[in-house]
Structures are given as structure tokens and as C-alpha cells.
Amino acid sequence: MEQTYSDLKKKTVAELREIASGLDHEAVKGYTQLNKEHLLDALCAALGIDKHEHHEVVGLDKKKVKKQIKSLKKKRAEALTAHDHAQLKFLRRHIRDMKRKIKKASIVQH
């Protein structure tokens, strides 16, 4: 069965040790002494599993939005030096909204 990092993370230490017992890899040597965090790292190394979750953005041009955020950050820096608090508030809120838009459009890839 194909394991993913999120699947392994949901398992108990006993279940992870059982998986490690069936592996003959340098990373899982001494698996009985490892805590869950270290056992997860060792199992990922032994099984060749990527520990980071990958996100795919659907229905949004991420590059375009990131470019807009970058330009807004430049304007924010200018407003900060000019002490324009109203403009600062507007730009910070707009940047936050753009970031939320990206997060909302993201789905986790396993």
C-alpha cells in the first residue's frame, strides 16, 4: 500500500514501529527507541516519502496574483515612509485579501 506523510502522521507510535520493523533501511535502525517525530522522519527517509504537502491552485492565476502582491508591497513601503496611515491600512488589507484568495483556491495534493 502506498503511504503518504499525512497517512503516517495519523498513525500511532506502535503502528509506526510495526511498519519500521518490516523495513531494512539504515534510517530506521533503533526504531524502538525513537519517538513519533523522529520515527516519522526515519520512515519518510526509508520509504522515499516527501514530508511536505503539495498544494495546487485551481481557478486562479497564482503568478499574476503574486505579482500584484509584490507591487502592493512596494506601494506599502512608500506609504510607510510617507506616514500615510489611511493608505497603509488599505494596502495591508488588500495584500491580506489577495493572500487569502490564493489559500482559498489551493487544494492539497497527496
PDB file of N, CA and C in Angstrom:
ATOM      1  N   MET A   1       0.841  -1.182   0.000  1.00  0.00           N
ATOM      2  CA  MET A   1       0.000   0.000   0.000  1.00  0.00           C
ATOM      3  C   MET A   1       0.883   1.241   0.000  1.00  0.00           C
ATOM      4  N   GLU A   2       0.535   2.199  -0.827  1.00  0.00           N
ATOM      5  CA  GLU A   2       1.282   3.453  -0.933  1.00  0.00           C
ATOM      6  C   GLU A   2       0.980   4.336   0.272  1.00  0.00           C
ATOM      7  N   GLN A   3       2.025   4.718   0.995  1.00  0.00           N
ATOM      8  CA  GLN A   3       1.884   5.548   2.184  1.00  0.00           C
ATOM      9  C   GLN A   3       2.162   7.014   1.821  1.00  0.00           C
ATOM     10  N   THR A   4       1.477   7.921   2.484  1.00  0.00           N
ATOM     11  CA  THR A   4       1.770   9.337   2.358  1.00  0.00           C
ATOM     12  C   THR A   4       2.137   9.867   3.734  1.00  0.00           C
ATOM     13  N   TYR A   5       2.723  11.037   3.775  1.00  0.00           N
ATOM     14  CA  TYR A   5       3.132  11.633   5.044  1.00  0.00           C
ATOM     15  C   TYR A   5       1.928  11.852   5.957  1.00  0.00           C
ATOM     16  N   SER A   6       0.825  12.333   5.391  1.00  0.00           N
ATOM     17  CA  SER A   6      -0.363  12.582   6.215  1.00  0.00           C
ATOM     18  C   SER A   6      -0.937  11.278   6.766  1.00  0.00           C
ATOM     19  N   ASP A   7      -0.861  10.179   5.988  1.00  0.00           N
ATOM     20  CA  ASP A   7      -1.312   8.875   6.485  1.00  0.00           C
ATOM     21  C   ASP A   7      -0.453   8.420   7.656  1.00  0.00           C
ATOM     22  N   LEU A   8       0.854   8.562   7.505  1.00  0.00           N
ATOM     23  CA  LEU A   8       1.762   8.148   8.569  1.00  0.00           C
ATOM     24  C   LEU A   8       1.578   9.001   9.818  1.00  0.00           C
ATOM     25  N   LYS A   9       1.334  10.275   9.632  1.00  0.00           N
ATOM     26  CA  LYS A   9       1.200  11.194  10.761  1.00  0.00           C
ATOM     27  C   LYS A   9      -0.025  10.850  11.613  1.00  0.00           C
ATOM     28  N   LYS A  10      -1.051  10.275  11.003  1.00  0.00           N
ATOM     29  CA  LYS A  10      -2.276   9.913  11.716  1.00  0.00           C
ATOM     30  C   LYS A  10      -2.121   8.639  12.535  1.00  0.00           C
ATOM     31  N   LYS A  11      -1.093   7.852  12.242  1.00  0.00           N
ATOM     32  CA  LYS A  11      -0.909   6.573  12.920  1.00  0.00           C
ATOM     33  C   LYS A  11      -0.290   6.764  14.304  1.00  0.00           C
ATOM     34  N   THR A  12      -0.487   5.756  15.154  1.00  0.00           N
ATOM     35  CA  THR A  12       0.103   5.789  16.491  1.00  0.00           C
ATOM     36  C   THR A  12       1.562   5.371  16.399  1.00  0.00           C
ATOM     37  N   VAL A  13       2.304   5.594  17.491  1.00  0.00           N
ATOM     38  CA  VAL A  13       3.719   5.218  17.539  1.00  0.00           C
ATOM     39  C   VAL A  13       3.859   3.708  17.368  1.00  0.00           C
ATOM     40  N   ALA A  14       2.956   2.940  17.969  1.00  0.00           N
ATOM     41  CA  ALA A  14       3.007   1.485  17.848  1.00  0.00           C
ATOM     42  C   ALA A  14       2.836   1.044  16.392  1.00  0.00           C
ATOM     43  N   GLU A  15       1.912   1.676  15.683  1.00  0.00           N
ATOM     44  CA  GLU A  15       1.705   1.339  14.271  1.00  0.00           C
ATOM     45  C   GLU A  15       2.920   1.723  13.428  1.00  0.00           C
ATOM     46  N   LEU A  16       3.506   2.873  13.739  1.00  0.00           N
ATOM     47  CA  LEU A  16       4.698   3.305  13.004  1.00  0.00           C
ATOM     48  C   LEU A  16       5.864   2.360  13.262  1.00  0.00           C
ATOM     49  N   ARG A  17       6.021   1.904  14.495  1.00  0.00           N
ATOM     50  CA  ARG A  17       7.092   0.956  14.820  1.00  0.00           C
ATOM     51  C   ARG A  17       6.874  -0.373  14.118  1.00  0.00           C
ATOM     52  N   GLU A  18       5.613  -0.767  13.961  1.00  0.00           N
ATOM     53  CA  GLU A  18       5.302  -2.007  13.244  1.00  0.00           C
ATOM     54  C   GLU A  18       5.713  -1.893  11.773  1.00  0.00           C
ATOM     55  N   ILE A  19       5.460  -0.736  11.174  1.00  0.00           N
ATOM     56  CA  ILE A  19       5.880  -0.501   9.790  1.00  0.00           C
ATOM     57  C   ILE A  19       7.395  -0.529   9.695  1.00  0.00           C
ATOM     58  N   ALA A  20       8.055   0.123  10.665  1.00  0.00           N
ATOM     59  CA  ALA A  20       9.517   0.196  10.662  1.00  0.00           C
ATOM     60  C   ALA A  20      10.156  -1.175  10.856  1.00  0.00           C
ATOM     61  N   SER A  21       9.479  -2.061  11.592  1.00  0.00           N
ATOM     62  CA  SER A  21      10.039  -3.395  11.822  1.00  0.00           C
ATOM     63  C   SER A  21      10.156  -4.195  10.527  1.00  0.00           C
ATOM     64  N   GLY A  22       9.309  -3.899   9.560  1.00  0.00           N
ATOM     65  CA  GLY A  22       9.339  -4.612   8.294  1.00  0.00           C
ATOM     66  C   GLY A  22      10.315  -4.032   7.285  1.00  0.00           C
ATOM     67  N   LEU A  23      11.023  -2.979   7.654  1.00  0.00           N
ATOM     68  CA  LEU A  23      11.951  -2.328   6.738  1.00  0.00           C
ATOM     69  C   LEU A  23      13.387  -2.622   7.128  1.00  0.00           C
ATOM     70  N   ASP A  24      14.214  -2.802   6.124  1.00  0.00           N
ATOM     71  CA  ASP A  24      15.643  -2.992   6.353  1.00  0.00           C
ATOM     72  C   ASP A  24      16.361  -1.797   5.732  1.00  0.00           C
ATOM     73  N   HIS A  25      16.388  -0.697   6.474  1.00  0.00           N
ATOM     74  CA  HIS A  25      16.980   0.546   5.992  1.00  0.00           C
ATOM     75  C   HIS A  25      17.751   1.180   7.137  1.00  0.00           C
ATOM     76  N   GLU A  26      18.848   1.833   6.800  1.00  0.00           N
ATOM     77  CA  GLU A  26      19.706   2.463   7.804  1.00  0.00           C
ATOM     78  C   GLU A  26      18.962   3.520   8.623  1.00  0.00           C
ATOM     79  N   ALA A  27      18.027   4.215   8.018  1.00  0.00           N
ATOM     80  CA  ALA A  27      17.318   5.301   8.697  1.00  0.00           C
ATOM     81  C   ALA A  27      16.444   4.816   9.849  1.00  0.00           C
ATOM     82  N   VAL A  28      15.947   3.571   9.767  1.00  0.00           N
ATOM     83  CA  VAL A  28      15.043   3.068  10.807  1.00  0.00           C
ATOM     84  C   VAL A  28      15.737   2.151  11.815  1.00  0.00           C
ATOM     85  N   LYS A  29      17.057   2.121  11.816  1.00  0.00           N
ATOM     86  CA  LYS A  29      17.780   1.344  12.822  1.00  0.00           C
ATOM     87  C   LYS A  29      17.480   1.940  14.193  1.00  0.00           C
ATOM     88  N   GLY A  30      17.174   1.114  15.157  1.00  0.00           N
ATOM     89  CA  GLY A  30      16.849   1.572  16.500  1.00  0.00           C
ATOM     90  C   GLY A  30      15.474   2.197  16.593  1.00  0.00           C
ATOM     91  N   TYR A  31      14.551   1.746  15.741  1.00  0.00           N
ATOM     92  CA  TYR A  31      13.209   2.334  15.692  1.00  0.00           C
ATOM     93  C   TYR A  31      12.454   2.192  17.007  1.00  0.00           C
ATOM     94  N   THR A  32      12.796   1.213  17.829  1.00  0.00           N
ATOM     95  CA  THR A  32      12.073   1.017  19.096  1.00  0.00           C
ATOM     96  C   THR A  32      12.370   2.142  20.088  1.00  0.00           C
ATOM     97  N   GLN A  33      13.464   2.850  19.891  1.00  0.00           N
ATOM     98  CA  GLN A  33      13.855   3.917  20.802  1.00  0.00           C
ATOM     99  C   GLN A  33      13.420   5.306  20.338  1.00  0.00           C
ATOM    100  N   LEU A  34      12.865   5.399  19.127  1.00  0.00           N
ATOM    101  CA  LEU A  34      12.517   6.699  18.550  1.00  0.00           C
ATOM    102  C   LEU A  34      11.129   7.150  18.974  1.00  0.00           C
ATOM    103  N   ASN A  35      10.986   8.454  19.177  1.00  0.00           N
ATOM    104  CA  ASN A  35       9.651   8.996  19.430  1.00  0.00           C
ATOM    105  C   ASN A  35       8.945   9.197  18.084  1.00  0.00           C
ATOM    106  N   LYS A  36       7.698   9.634  18.128  1.00  0.00           N
ATOM    107  CA  LYS A  36       6.901   9.714  16.902  1.00  0.00           C
ATOM    108  C   LYS A  36       7.505  10.647  15.856  1.00  0.00           C
ATOM    109  N   GLU A  37       7.961  11.809  16.282  1.00  0.00           N
ATOM    110  CA  GLU A  37       8.507  12.784  15.343  1.00  0.00           C
ATOM    111  C   GLU A  37       9.730  12.230  14.608  1.00  0.00           C
ATOM    112  N   HIS A  38      10.656  11.640  15.363  1.00  0.00           N
ATOM    113  CA  HIS A  38      11.862  11.088  14.755  1.00  0.00           C
ATOM    114  C   HIS A  38      11.552   9.833  13.934  1.00  0.00           C
ATOM    115  N   LEU A  39      10.576   9.077  14.388  1.00  0.00           N
ATOM    116  CA  LEU A  39      10.171   7.880  13.652  1.00  0.00           C
ATOM    117  C   LEU A  39       9.547   8.254  12.309  1.00  0.00           C
ATOM    118  N   LEU A  40       8.750   9.325  12.305  1.00  0.00           N
ATOM    119  CA  LEU A  40       8.168   9.810  11.044  1.00  0.00           C
ATOM    120  C   LEU A  40       9.260  10.221  10.059  1.00  0.00           C
ATOM    121  N   ASP A  41      10.255  10.950  10.553  1.00  0.00           N
ATOM    122  CA  ASP A  41      11.365  11.370   9.693  1.00  0.00           C
ATOM    123  C   ASP A  41      12.106  10.163   9.128  1.00  0.00           C
ATOM    124  N   ALA A  42      12.362   9.185   9.990  1.00  0.00           N
ATOM    125  CA  ALA A  42      13.093   7.994   9.560  1.00  0.00           C
ATOM    126  C   ALA A  42      12.298   7.185   8.539  1.00  0.00           C
ATOM    127  N   LEU A  43      11.005   7.027   8.778  1.00  0.00           N
ATOM    128  CA  LEU A  43      10.162   6.276   7.840  1.00  0.00           C
ATOM    129  C   LEU A  43      10.064   6.985   6.491  1.00  0.00           C
ATOM    130  N   CYS A  44       9.952   8.291   6.521  1.00  0.00           N
ATOM    131  CA  CYS A  44       9.888   9.048   5.265  1.00  0.00           C
ATOM    132  C   CYS A  44      11.186   8.868   4.477  1.00  0.00           C
ATOM    133  N   ALA A  45      12.315   8.873   5.181  1.00  0.00           N
ATOM    134  CA  ALA A  45      13.597   8.669   4.505  1.00  0.00           C
ATOM    135  C   ALA A  45      13.690   7.256   3.945  1.00  0.00           C
ATOM    136  N   ALA A  46      13.236   6.272   4.706  1.00  0.00           N
ATOM    137  CA  ALA A  46      13.323   4.875   4.283  1.00  0.00           C
ATOM    138  C   ALA A  46      12.374   4.564   3.130  1.00  0.00           C
ATOM    139  N   LEU A  47      11.195   5.154   3.169  1.00  0.00           N
ATOM    140  CA  LEU A  47      10.184   4.864   2.136  1.00  0.00           C
ATOM    141  C   LEU A  47      10.239   5.826   0.954  1.00  0.00           C
ATOM    142  N   GLY A  48      11.071   6.866   1.066  1.00  0.00           N
ATOM    143  CA  GLY A  48      11.177   7.840  -0.027  1.00  0.00           C
ATOM    144  C   GLY A  48       9.957   8.721  -0.147  1.00  0.00           C
ATOM    145  N   ILE A  49       9.376   9.083   0.994  1.00  0.00           N
ATOM    146  CA  ILE A  49       8.168   9.910   1.017  1.00  0.00           C
ATOM    147  C   ILE A  49       8.557  11.358   1.253  1.00  0.00           C
ATOM    148  N   ASP A  50       7.963  12.249   0.487  1.00  0.00           N
ATOM    149  CA  ASP A  50       8.178  13.684   0.657  1.00  0.00           C
ATOM    150  C   ASP A  50       7.381  14.135   1.874  1.00  0.00           C
ATOM    151  N   LYS A  51       8.032  14.822   2.808  1.00  0.00           N
ATOM    152  CA  LYS A  51       7.374  15.220   4.050  1.00  0.00           C
ATOM    153  C   LYS A  51       6.527  16.475   3.906  1.00  0.00           C
ATOM    154  N   HIS A  52       6.605  17.153   2.785  1.00  0.00           N
ATOM    155  CA  HIS A  52       5.857  18.384   2.600  1.00  0.00           C
ATOM    156  C   HIS A  52       4.629  18.117   1.742  1.00  0.00           C
ATOM    157  N   GLU A  53       3.523  18.716   2.147  1.00  0.00           N
ATOM    158  CA  GLU A  53       2.314  18.589   1.353  1.00  0.00           C
ATOM    159  C   GLU A  53       2.377  19.576   0.194  1.00  0.00           C
ATOM    160  N   HIS A  54       1.950  19.127  -0.961  1.00  0.00           N
ATOM    161  CA  HIS A  54       1.974  19.980  -2.143  1.00  0.00           C
ATOM    162  C   HIS A  54       0.576  20.525  -2.400  1.00  0.00           C
ATOM    163  N   HIS A  55       0.519  21.785  -2.717  1.00  0.00           N
ATOM    164  CA  HIS A  55      -0.756  22.444  -2.964  1.00  0.00           C
ATOM    165  C   HIS A  55      -0.859  22.833  -4.430  1.00  0.00           C
ATOM    166  N   GLU A  56      -2.034  22.661  -4.954  1.00  0.00           N
ATOM    167  CA  GLU A  56      -2.295  23.073  -6.328  1.00  0.00           C
ATOM    168  C   GLU A  56      -3.355  24.156  -6.292  1.00  0.00           C
ATOM    169  N   VAL A  57      -3.104  25.241  -6.988  1.00  0.00           N
ATOM    170  CA  VAL A  57      -4.054  26.341  -7.028  1.00  0.00           C
ATOM    171  C   VAL A  57      -4.971  26.125  -8.230  1.00  0.00           C
ATOM    172  N   VAL A  58      -6.285  26.119  -7.968  1.00  0.00           N
ATOM    173  CA  VAL A  58      -7.273  25.853  -9.006  1.00  0.00           C
ATOM    174  C   VAL A  58      -8.124  27.094  -9.232  1.00  0.00           C
ATOM    175  N   GLY A  59      -8.303  27.466 -10.490  1.00  0.00           N
ATOM    176  CA  GLY A  59      -9.188  28.568 -10.848  1.00  0.00           C
ATOM    177  C   GLY A  59      -8.623  29.949 -10.592  1.00  0.00           C
ATOM    178  N   LEU A  60      -7.286  30.053 -10.500  1.00  0.00           N
ATOM    179  CA  LEU A  60      -6.666  31.335 -10.198  1.00  0.00           C
ATOM    180  C   LEU A  60      -5.272  31.354 -10.808  1.00  0.00           C
ATOM    181  N   ASP A  61      -4.893  32.478 -11.375  1.00  0.00           N
ATOM    182  CA  ASP A  61      -3.546  32.621 -11.914  1.00  0.00           C
ATOM    183  C   ASP A  61      -2.636  33.082 -10.776  1.00  0.00           C
ATOM    184  N   LYS A  62      -1.960  32.118 -10.147  1.00  0.00           N
ATOM    185  CA  LYS A  62      -1.165  32.396  -8.956  1.00  0.00           C
ATOM    186  C   LYS A  62      -0.026  33.379  -9.243  1.00  0.00           C
ATOM    187  N   LYS A  63       0.620  33.226 -10.386  1.00  0.00           N
ATOM    188  CA  LYS A  63       1.722  34.128 -10.740  1.00  0.00           C
ATOM    189  C   LYS A  63       1.247  35.572 -10.820  1.00  0.00           C
ATOM    190  N   LYS A  64       0.091  35.762 -11.423  1.00  0.00           N
ATOM    191  CA  LYS A  64      -0.454  37.109 -11.589  1.00  0.00           C
ATOM    192  C   LYS A  64      -0.780  37.719 -10.219  1.00  0.00           C
ATOM    193  N   VAL A  65      -1.385  36.930  -9.345  1.00  0.00           N
ATOM    194  CA  VAL A  65      -1.748  37.425  -8.019  1.00  0.00           C
ATOM    195  C   VAL A  65      -0.495  37.734  -7.206  1.00  0.00           C
ATOM    196  N   LYS A  66       0.521  36.867  -7.296  1.00  0.00           N
ATOM    197  CA  LYS A  66       1.776  37.108  -6.575  1.00  0.00           C
ATOM    198  C   LYS A  66       2.445  38.393  -7.070  1.00  0.00           C
ATOM    199  N   LYS A  67       2.362  38.640  -8.380  1.00  0.00           N
ATOM    200  CA  LYS A  67       2.935  39.857  -8.958  1.00  0.00           C
ATOM    201  C   LYS A  67       2.205  41.090  -8.413  1.00  0.00           C
ATOM    202  N   GLN A  68       0.880  40.988  -8.298  1.00  0.00           N
ATOM    203  CA  GLN A  68       0.096  42.081  -7.743  1.00  0.00           C
ATOM    204  C   GLN A  68       0.465  42.317  -6.277  1.00  0.00           C
ATOM    205  N   ILE A  69       0.648  41.252  -5.526  1.00  0.00           N
ATOM    206  CA  ILE A  69       1.032  41.376  -4.118  1.00  0.00           C
ATOM    207  C   ILE A  69       2.383  42.073  -4.000  1.00  0.00           C
ATOM    208  N   LYS A  70       3.307  41.706  -4.877  1.00  0.00           N
ATOM    209  CA  LYS A  70       4.639  42.314  -4.852  1.00  0.00           C
ATOM    210  C   LYS A  70       4.549  43.821  -5.109  1.00  0.00           C
ATOM    211  N   SER A  71       3.734  44.219  -6.085  1.00  0.00           N
ATOM    212  CA  SER A  71       3.593  45.651  -6.372  1.00  0.00           C
ATOM    213  C   SER A  71       2.894  46.370  -5.214  1.00  0.00           C
ATOM    214  N   LEU A  72       1.932  45.703  -4.585  1.00  0.00           N
ATOM    215  CA  LEU A  72       1.260  46.305  -3.433  1.00  0.00           C
ATOM    216  C   LEU A  72       2.221  46.476  -2.261  1.00  0.00           C
ATOM    217  N   LYS A  73       3.141  45.541  -2.104  1.00  0.00           N
ATOM    218  CA  LYS A  73       4.129  45.652  -1.026  1.00  0.00           C
ATOM    219  C   LYS A  73       5.065  46.840  -1.264  1.00  0.00           C
ATOM    220  N   LYS A  74       5.396  47.114  -2.521  1.00  0.00           N
ATOM    221  CA  LYS A  74       6.213  48.290  -2.835  1.00  0.00           C
ATOM    222  C   LYS A  74       5.453  49.564  -2.474  1.00  0.00           C
ATOM    223  N   LYS A  75       4.169  49.604  -2.833  1.00  0.00           N
ATOM    224  CA  LYS A  75       3.342  50.765  -2.504  1.00  0.00           C
ATOM    225  C   LYS A  75       3.202  50.906  -0.991  1.00  0.00           C
ATOM    226  N   ARG A  76       3.114  49.762  -0.296  1.00  0.00           N
ATOM    227  CA  ARG A  76       3.018  49.778   1.160  1.00  0.00           C
ATOM    228  C   ARG A  76       4.267  50.415   1.776  1.00  0.00           C
ATOM    229  N   ALA A  77       5.440  50.054   1.241  1.00  0.00           N
ATOM    230  CA  ALA A  77       6.696  50.621   1.741  1.00  0.00           C
ATOM    231  C   ALA A  77       6.733  52.128   1.514  1.00  0.00           C
ATOM    232  N   GLU A  78       6.246  52.570   0.361  1.00  0.00           N
ATOM    233  CA  GLU A  78       6.196  54.008   0.068  1.00  0.00           C
ATOM    234  C   GLU A  78       5.246  54.721   1.013  1.00  0.00           C
ATOM    235  N   ALA A  79       4.101  54.110   1.279  1.00  0.00           N
ATOM    236  CA  ALA A  79       3.128  54.709   2.191  1.00  0.00           C
ATOM    237  C   ALA A  79       3.673  54.758   3.613  1.00  0.00           C
ATOM    238  N   LEU A  80       4.469  53.768   3.961  1.00  0.00           N
ATOM    239  CA  LEU A  80       5.066  53.724   5.292  1.00  0.00           C
ATOM    240  C   LEU A  80       6.053  54.872   5.489  1.00  0.00           C
ATOM    241  N   THR A  81       6.871  55.120   4.468  1.00  0.00           N
ATOM    242  CA  THR A  81       7.836  56.230   4.570  1.00  0.00           C
ATOM    243  C   THR A  81       7.141  57.588   4.532  1.00  0.00           C
ATOM    244  N   ALA A  82       5.983  57.657   3.854  1.00  0.00           N
ATOM    245  CA  ALA A  82       5.233  58.909   3.755  1.00  0.00           C
ATOM    246  C   ALA A  82       4.297  59.108   4.951  1.00  0.00           C
ATOM    247  N   HIS A  83       4.220  58.128   5.842  1.00  0.00           N
ATOM    248  CA  HIS A  83       3.347  58.173   7.022  1.00  0.00           C
ATOM    249  C   HIS A  83       1.881  58.363   6.640  1.00  0.00           C
ATOM    250  N   ASP A  84       1.482  57.750   5.549  1.00  0.00           N
ATOM    251  CA  ASP A  84       0.090  57.811   5.081  1.00  0.00           C
ATOM    252  C   ASP A  84      -0.661  56.608   5.670  1.00  0.00           C
ATOM    253  N   HIS A  85      -1.247  56.793   6.837  1.00  0.00           N
ATOM    254  CA  HIS A  85      -1.855  55.683   7.569  1.00  0.00           C
ATOM    255  C   HIS A  85      -3.103  55.128   6.892  1.00  0.00           C
ATOM    256  N   ALA A  86      -3.869  55.977   6.261  1.00  0.00           N
ATOM    257  CA  ALA A  86      -5.070  55.509   5.574  1.00  0.00           C
ATOM    258  C   ALA A  86      -4.689  54.603   4.404  1.00  0.00           C
ATOM    259  N   GLN A  87      -3.695  55.029   3.644  1.00  0.00           N
ATOM    260  CA  GLN A  87      -3.219  54.222   2.515  1.00  0.00           C
ATOM    261  C   GLN A  87      -2.602  52.913   3.020  1.00  0.00           C
ATOM    262  N   LEU A  88      -1.863  52.983   4.135  1.00  0.00           N
ATOM    263  CA  LEU A  88      -1.262  51.782   4.720  1.00  0.00           C
ATOM    264  C   LEU A  88      -2.323  50.760   5.080  1.00  0.00           C
ATOM    265  N   LYS A  89      -3.375  51.227   5.730  1.00  0.00           N
ATOM    266  CA  LYS A  89      -4.455  50.332   6.135  1.00  0.00           C
ATOM    267  C   LYS A  89      -5.090  49.668   4.913  1.00  0.00           C
ATOM    268  N   PHE A  90      -5.339  50.468   3.891  1.00  0.00           N
ATOM    269  CA  PHE A  90      -5.934  49.940   2.662  1.00  0.00           C
ATOM    270  C   PHE A  90      -5.032  48.886   2.017  1.00  0.00           C
ATOM    271  N   LEU A  91      -3.744  49.201   1.889  1.00  0.00           N
ATOM    272  CA  LEU A  91      -2.811  48.287   1.219  1.00  0.00           C
ATOM    273  C   LEU A  91      -2.613  47.001   2.011  1.00  0.00           C
ATOM    274  N   ARG A  92      -2.479  47.106   3.326  1.00  0.00           N
ATOM    275  CA  ARG A  92      -2.322  45.902   4.142  1.00  0.00           C
ATOM    276  C   ARG A  92      -3.528  44.987   4.022  1.00  0.00           C
ATOM    277  N   ARG A  93      -4.710  45.584   4.051  1.00  0.00           N
ATOM    278  CA  ARG A  93      -5.927  44.783   3.925  1.00  0.00           C
ATOM    279  C   ARG A  93      -6.013  44.141   2.541  1.00  0.00           C
ATOM    280  N   HIS A  94      -5.630  44.879   1.525  1.00  0.00           N
ATOM    281  CA  HIS A  94      -5.681  44.351   0.155  1.00  0.00           C
ATOM    282  C   HIS A  94      -4.677  43.199  -0.019  1.00  0.00           C
ATOM    283  N   ILE A  95      -3.482  43.351   0.541  1.00  0.00           N
ATOM    284  CA  ILE A  95      -2.480  42.283   0.481  1.00  0.00           C
ATOM    285  C   ILE A  95      -3.004  41.040   1.191  1.00  0.00           C
ATOM    286  N   ARG A  96      -3.583  41.241   2.377  1.00  0.00           N
ATOM    287  CA  ARG A  96      -4.136  40.116   3.132  1.00  0.00           C
ATOM    288  C   ARG A  96      -5.233  39.402   2.339  1.00  0.00           C
ATOM    289  N   ASP A  97      -6.100  40.171   1.707  1.00  0.00           N
ATOM    290  CA  ASP A  97      -7.183  39.585   0.914  1.00  0.00           C
ATOM    291  C   ASP A  97      -6.649  38.775  -0.270  1.00  0.00           C
ATOM    292  N   MET A  98      -5.595  39.281  -0.903  1.00  0.00           N
ATOM    293  CA  MET A  98      -5.006  38.571  -2.045  1.00  0.00           C
ATOM    294  C   MET A  98      -4.401  37.237  -1.584  1.00  0.00           C
ATOM    295  N   LYS A  99      -3.718  37.256  -0.437  1.00  0.00           N
ATOM    296  CA  LYS A  99      -3.136  36.026   0.091  1.00  0.00           C
ATOM    297  C   LYS A  99      -4.222  35.017   0.457  1.00  0.00           C
ATOM    298  N   ARG A 100      -5.301  35.511   1.030  1.00  0.00           N
ATOM    299  CA  ARG A 100      -6.413  34.630   1.374  1.00  0.00           C
ATOM    300  C   ARG A 100      -7.042  34.023   0.125  1.00  0.00           C
ATOM    301  N   LYS A 101      -7.082  34.807  -0.935  1.00  0.00           N
ATOM    302  CA  LYS A 101      -7.635  34.317  -2.196  1.00  0.00           C
ATOM    303  C   LYS A 101      -6.811  33.132  -2.708  1.00  0.00           C
ATOM    304  N   ILE A 102      -5.490  33.239  -2.594  1.00  0.00           N
ATOM    305  CA  ILE A 102      -4.613  32.141  -3.015  1.00  0.00           C
ATOM    306  C   ILE A 102      -4.841  30.908  -2.142  1.00  0.00           C
ATOM    307  N   LYS A 103      -4.918  31.109  -0.830  1.00  0.00           N
ATOM    308  CA  LYS A 103      -5.125  29.988   0.088  1.00  0.00           C
ATOM    309  C   LYS A 103      -6.460  29.301  -0.163  1.00  0.00           C
ATOM    310  N   LYS A 104      -7.467  30.096  -0.448  1.00  0.00           N
ATOM    311  CA  LYS A 104      -8.800  29.548  -0.684  1.00  0.00           C
ATOM    312  C   LYS A 104      -8.821  28.693  -1.951  1.00  0.00           C
ATOM    313  N   ALA A 105      -8.052  29.089  -2.953  1.00  0.00           N
ATOM    314  CA  ALA A 105      -8.025  28.376  -4.224  1.00  0.00           C
ATOM    315  C   ALA A 105      -7.109  27.155  -4.190  1.00  0.00           C
ATOM    316  N   SER A 106      -6.345  26.994  -3.109  1.00  0.00           N
ATOM    317  CA  SER A 106      -5.389  25.886  -3.010  1.00  0.00           C
ATOM    318  C   SER A 106      -6.089  24.621  -2.521  1.00  0.00           C
ATOM    319  N   ILE A 107      -5.691  23.498  -3.115  1.00  0.00           N
ATOM    320  CA  ILE A 107      -6.120  22.192  -2.635  1.00  0.00           C
ATOM    321  C   ILE A 107      -4.873  21.363  -2.395  1.00  0.00           C
ATOM    322  N   VAL A 108      -4.922  20.513  -1.389  1.00  0.00           N
ATOM    323  CA  VAL A 108      -3.760  19.705  -1.026  1.00  0.00           C
ATOM    324  C   VAL A 108      -3.644  18.518  -1.971  1.00  0.00           C
ATOM    325  N   GLN A 109      -2.415  18.309  -2.486  1.00  0.00           N
ATOM    326  CA  GLN A 109      -2.117  17.169  -3.354  1.00  0.00           C
ATOM    327  C   GLN A 109      -1.424  16.108  -2.537  1.00  0.00           C
ATOM    328  N   HIS A 110      -1.898  14.892  -2.574  1.00  0.00           N
ATOM    329  CA  HIS A 110      -1.246  13.789  -1.858  1.00  0.00           C
ATOM    330  C   HIS A 110      -0.436  12.962  -2.793  1.00  0.00           C
TER     331      HIS A 110
END
